[in-house]
Amino acid sequence: MNQDKQRKFKRATAIKVHINQLISGKYVKDDVNNYLETELGVSLSRARILGTIVGKWMPNTQNAVKSDRTPQASIIIDDGTETIRVKTWKEDIKMLDDHEMGDVVDIIGRVRQYENEIYITPEIIRKIEDPNWELVRELEIIEFMERIKSSAKFQARSVKPQETGIHDSSELVADQNKKGIFKDKIVELINNLDKGNGVSSNQLKKLADIPEVDFQDVLMELINEGTIYQPNPGKYRIL
């Protein structure tokens, strides 16, 4: 059972959610993984949120040098449904340097809990310049939630409540997880292979071993998200 859990959380996809889904969720700790289960039964260890910075705290450099405590910085994100803290430590504090109050940001990170507070430790923070992305994200989340609500598993839960383990939630987000794994593969390949001129589409296709129909879709999504770009036709680099 533990091996099954470990396999299912390997390369966990960052699920796009509203912040209130995280705040109202139940944080679960076991001997293999820590994860959050939302009220709809979706289990996730990584989340992707988009919202406005409404608070920011950075440590005083001089005090941090004198103190024995680990330097910490944080921002508060509001997406219109709730607010959540995004917390960084040590060298990761610099991730917050270029982001200020009022900025709209897209954040990918791990969901954590400390003293009953749900928060996020960021892996990527990207400033959003085009306000249309807020509408796009809203539609993506609504569509994802509707798929979950209409699923047979959710209907069964509504009639007869039962404990939902990590196995059930993995099936609910199977499509999103699959696409997330494909994206991770491509990004990892570009990071490893790019010597400054980009990586060719043919090379990525051969090494990623992704079905053709999914390969083209994933490339376009990564470009639209601002994760990769084309310096020249047929070449891809990390943005």
Protein backbone atom coordinates (compact mmCIF):
# COMPACT_ATOMS: atom_id res chain seq x y z
CA MET A 1 0.00 0.00 0.00
CA ASN A 2 2.79 2.39 0.90
CA GLN A 3 4.52 1.65 -2.41
CA ASP A 4 1.27 2.46 -4.23
CA LYS A 5 1.03 5.82 -2.48
CA GLN A 6 4.64 6.63 -3.19
CA ARG A 7 4.20 5.78 -6.86
CA LYS A 8 1.07 7.90 -7.18
CA PHE A 9 2.71 10.97 -5.62
CA LYS A 10 5.87 10.70 -7.72
CA ARG A 11 6.18 13.87 -9.83
CA ALA A 12 2.92 15.13 -8.33
CA THR A 13 1.12 17.64 -10.52
CA ALA A 14 0.41 21.13 -9.23
CA ILE A 15 -3.40 21.24 -9.27
CA LYS A 16 -5.02 24.57 -10.19
CA VAL A 17 -7.37 25.51 -7.35
CA HIS A 18 -9.08 28.41 -5.62
CA ILE A 19 -7.46 29.35 -2.34
CA ASN A 20 -10.64 28.62 -0.36
CA GLN A 21 -10.36 24.98 -1.49
CA LEU A 22 -6.99 24.81 0.27
CA ILE A 23 -8.08 26.65 3.41
CA SER A 24 -11.19 24.48 3.87
CA GLY A 25 -9.34 21.25 3.10
CA LYS A 26 -8.08 18.62 5.51
CA TYR A 27 -4.31 18.26 5.83
CA VAL A 28 -3.20 14.63 6.11
CA LYS A 29 0.13 13.36 7.40
CA ASP A 30 1.18 9.74 7.08
CA ASP A 31 4.40 7.75 6.98
CA VAL A 32 4.86 8.25 3.22
CA ASN A 33 3.38 11.57 2.09
CA ASN A 34 1.81 14.73 3.45
CA TYR A 35 -1.09 16.01 1.39
CA LEU A 36 -4.28 18.04 1.54
CA GLU A 37 -7.70 16.64 0.73
CA THR A 38 -10.24 19.19 -0.49
CA GLU A 39 -13.94 19.07 0.29
CA LEU A 40 -14.50 17.56 -3.18
CA GLY A 41 -12.19 14.67 -2.35
CA VAL A 42 -9.22 15.81 -4.43
CA SER A 43 -5.92 14.97 -2.75
CA LEU A 44 -2.96 17.15 -3.64
CA SER A 45 0.53 17.85 -2.39
CA ARG A 46 1.27 20.66 -4.86
CA ALA A 47 -1.04 23.50 -5.86
CA ARG A 48 -1.14 26.26 -8.42
CA ILE A 49 -2.86 29.51 -7.43
CA LEU A 50 -3.30 32.88 -9.12
CA GLY A 51 -4.06 36.01 -7.13
CA THR A 52 -3.03 39.45 -5.94
CA ILE A 53 -0.32 40.18 -3.38
CA VAL A 54 -2.08 41.97 -0.51
CA GLY A 55 0.69 41.67 2.07
CA LYS A 56 4.47 41.27 2.10
CA TRP A 57 6.99 40.75 4.88
CA MET A 58 10.75 40.68 4.32
CA PRO A 59 13.35 40.20 7.07
CA ASN A 60 15.64 43.00 8.13
CA THR A 61 19.05 42.04 6.74
CA GLN A 62 21.03 43.35 9.71
CA ASN A 63 18.77 41.66 12.25
CA ALA A 64 18.86 38.40 10.30
CA VAL A 65 22.66 38.33 10.48
CA LYS A 66 22.63 38.83 14.27
CA SER A 67 19.79 36.38 14.93
CA ASP A 68 20.17 32.62 15.33
CA ARG A 69 16.71 32.11 13.82
CA THR A 70 16.35 30.95 10.22
CA PRO A 71 15.56 33.95 7.96
CA GLN A 72 11.97 33.87 6.71
CA ALA A 73 9.89 35.98 4.33
CA SER A 74 6.29 35.75 3.18
CA ILE A 75 3.59 37.26 1.01
CA ILE A 76 -0.19 37.02 1.33
CA ILE A 77 -2.17 36.11 -1.79
CA ASP A 78 -5.85 36.95 -2.33
CA ASP A 79 -7.72 35.35 -5.25
CA GLY A 80 -11.17 36.63 -4.33
CA THR A 81 -12.20 33.43 -2.55
CA GLU A 82 -9.74 33.50 0.38
CA THR A 83 -6.21 34.50 1.33
CA ILE A 84 -3.17 32.34 1.97
CA ARG A 85 0.41 32.90 3.05
CA VAL A 86 3.30 31.96 0.77
CA LYS A 87 6.37 31.40 2.95
CA THR A 88 10.06 31.18 2.05
CA TRP A 89 13.25 30.55 4.01
CA LYS A 90 16.99 31.10 3.59
CA GLU A 91 18.12 31.41 -0.04
CA ASP A 92 14.54 31.07 -1.35
CA ILE A 93 13.70 34.49 0.13
CA LYS A 94 15.08 36.09 -3.04
CA MET A 95 12.10 34.65 -4.93
CA LEU A 96 10.02 37.46 -3.41
CA ASP A 97 12.42 40.31 -4.21
CA ASP A 98 10.81 41.35 -7.51
CA HIS A 99 7.19 41.05 -6.36
CA GLU A 100 5.33 43.89 -4.66
CA MET A 101 1.93 44.69 -3.18
CA GLY A 102 -0.74 44.78 -5.88
CA ASP A 103 1.09 42.43 -8.26
CA VAL A 104 -0.96 39.60 -9.74
CA VAL A 105 1.11 36.43 -9.55
CA ASP A 106 0.87 32.80 -10.63
CA ILE A 107 2.37 30.51 -7.98
CA ILE A 108 3.27 26.83 -8.03
CA GLY A 109 4.28 25.31 -4.73
CA ARG A 110 3.88 22.67 -2.07
CA VAL A 111 0.97 22.78 0.35
CA ARG A 112 2.07 22.74 3.99
CA GLN A 113 0.53 23.09 7.44
CA TYR A 114 2.00 24.49 10.64
CA GLU A 115 0.03 25.12 13.84
CA ASN A 116 -3.26 24.69 11.94
CA GLU A 117 -2.30 27.23 9.27
CA ILE A 118 -2.36 26.04 5.66
CA TYR A 119 0.33 27.79 3.61
CA ILE A 120 2.40 27.31 0.45
CA THR A 121 6.15 27.00 -0.01
CA PRO A 122 6.75 28.30 -3.56
CA GLU A 123 8.69 26.62 -6.34
CA ILE A 124 7.78 29.16 -9.03
CA ILE A 125 6.38 32.70 -8.73
CA ARG A 126 5.55 34.46 -11.98
CA LYS A 127 4.11 37.96 -12.35
CA ILE A 128 1.04 38.12 -14.58
CA GLU A 129 0.93 41.14 -16.89
CA ASP A 130 -2.11 40.19 -18.98
CA PRO A 131 -5.33 40.39 -16.89
CA ASN A 132 -7.00 37.94 -19.29
CA TRP A 133 -5.06 35.13 -17.59
CA GLU A 134 -7.21 35.62 -14.48
CA LEU A 135 -10.32 34.80 -16.51
CA VAL A 136 -8.58 31.85 -18.18
CA ARG A 137 -7.59 30.41 -14.79
CA GLU A 138 -11.10 30.90 -13.42
CA LEU A 139 -12.58 28.98 -16.35
CA GLU A 140 -9.98 26.21 -15.97
CA ILE A 141 -10.82 25.73 -12.30
CA ILE A 142 -14.58 25.81 -12.91
CA GLU A 143 -14.27 23.22 -15.69
CA PHE A 144 -12.09 20.98 -13.51
CA MET A 145 -14.50 21.20 -10.56
CA GLU A 146 -17.49 20.41 -12.76
CA ARG A 147 -15.76 17.28 -14.03
CA ILE A 148 -15.15 16.15 -10.46
CA LYS A 149 -18.70 16.89 -9.33
CA SER A 150 -20.19 14.98 -12.25
CA SER A 151 -17.95 11.96 -11.77
CA ALA A 152 -19.41 8.70 -10.53
CA LYS A 153 -17.15 8.79 -7.49
CA PHE A 154 -18.42 12.20 -6.38
CA GLN A 155 -22.04 11.11 -6.87
CA ALA A 156 -21.36 8.02 -4.76
CA ARG A 157 -19.82 10.18 -2.04
CA SER A 158 -22.93 12.39 -2.02
CA VAL A 159 -25.22 9.40 -1.45
CA LYS A 160 -23.02 7.46 0.94
CA PRO A 161 -20.18 9.37 2.59
CA GLN A 162 -17.00 7.36 2.93
CA GLU A 163 -13.34 7.91 3.51
CA THR A 164 -11.55 8.83 0.32
CA GLY A 165 -7.94 7.78 0.16
CA ILE A 166 -5.16 8.99 -2.04
CA HIS A 167 -5.98 6.29 -4.60
CA ASP A 168 -9.45 7.73 -5.26
CA SER A 169 -8.27 11.30 -5.64
CA SER A 170 -5.52 10.24 -8.03
CA GLU A 171 -8.16 8.79 -10.33
CA LEU A 172 -10.23 11.98 -10.13
CA VAL A 173 -7.32 14.08 -11.39
CA ALA A 174 -5.89 11.47 -13.77
CA ASP A 175 -6.09 13.63 -16.88
CA GLN A 176 -4.51 16.65 -15.24
CA ASN A 177 -1.81 14.49 -13.66
CA LYS A 178 -0.97 12.91 -17.02
CA LYS A 179 -0.59 16.28 -18.70
CA GLY A 180 1.42 17.57 -15.75
CA ILE A 181 3.83 14.63 -16.02
CA PHE A 182 4.27 15.32 -19.75
CA LYS A 183 5.00 18.99 -19.01
CA ASP A 184 7.54 18.06 -16.35
CA LYS A 185 9.28 15.74 -18.81
CA ILE A 186 9.61 18.42 -21.46
CA VAL A 187 10.77 21.12 -19.04
CA GLU A 188 13.34 18.75 -17.53
CA LEU A 189 14.65 17.79 -20.97
CA ILE A 190 15.01 21.41 -22.05
CA ASN A 191 16.82 22.25 -18.80
CA ASN A 192 19.24 19.37 -19.29
CA LEU A 193 19.83 19.67 -23.03
CA ASP A 194 19.78 23.39 -23.76
CA LYS A 195 23.31 24.69 -24.36
CA GLY A 196 22.16 28.20 -25.19
CA ASN A 197 20.47 27.79 -28.56
CA GLY A 198 17.38 25.86 -27.48
CA VAL A 199 16.30 22.26 -27.98
CA SER A 200 14.68 21.05 -31.20
CA SER A 201 11.14 19.76 -31.34
CA ASN A 202 12.32 16.49 -32.90
CA GLN A 203 14.81 15.89 -30.09
CA LEU A 204 12.19 16.57 -27.44
CA LYS A 205 9.65 14.31 -29.13
CA LYS A 206 12.13 11.45 -29.38
CA LEU A 207 13.39 11.64 -25.79
CA ALA A 208 10.12 12.53 -24.05
CA ASP A 209 8.31 9.51 -25.51
CA ILE A 210 4.95 11.33 -25.46
CA PRO A 211 2.07 10.52 -27.86
CA GLU A 212 2.02 12.94 -30.81
CA VAL A 213 -1.41 14.39 -30.01
CA ASP A 214 -0.39 15.11 -26.40
CA PHE A 215 3.08 16.35 -27.35
CA GLN A 216 1.83 19.25 -29.47
CA ASP A 217 -0.85 20.22 -26.92
CA VAL A 218 1.65 20.24 -24.06
CA LEU A 219 4.13 22.39 -26.00
CA MET A 220 1.41 24.94 -26.74
CA GLU A 221 0.26 25.01 -23.10
CA LEU A 222 3.82 25.53 -21.86
CA ILE A 223 4.23 28.41 -24.32
CA ASN A 224 0.88 29.96 -23.36
CA GLU A 225 1.72 29.65 -19.66
CA GLY A 226 4.99 31.47 -20.23
CA THR A 227 7.11 28.49 -19.14
CA ILE A 228 8.94 28.03 -22.46
CA TYR A 229 9.39 30.05 -25.65
CA GLN A 230 10.72 29.66 -29.18
CA PRO A 231 13.91 31.65 -29.85
CA ASN A 232 13.77 30.24 -33.40
CA PRO A 233 11.22 28.11 -35.27
CA GLY A 234 11.34 24.52 -34.02
CA LYS A 235 13.56 25.37 -31.02
CA TYR A 236 12.46 25.68 -27.39
CA ARG A 237 14.00 27.30 -24.31
CA ILE A 238 12.92 27.87 -20.71
CA LEU A 239 11.62 31.42 -20.20
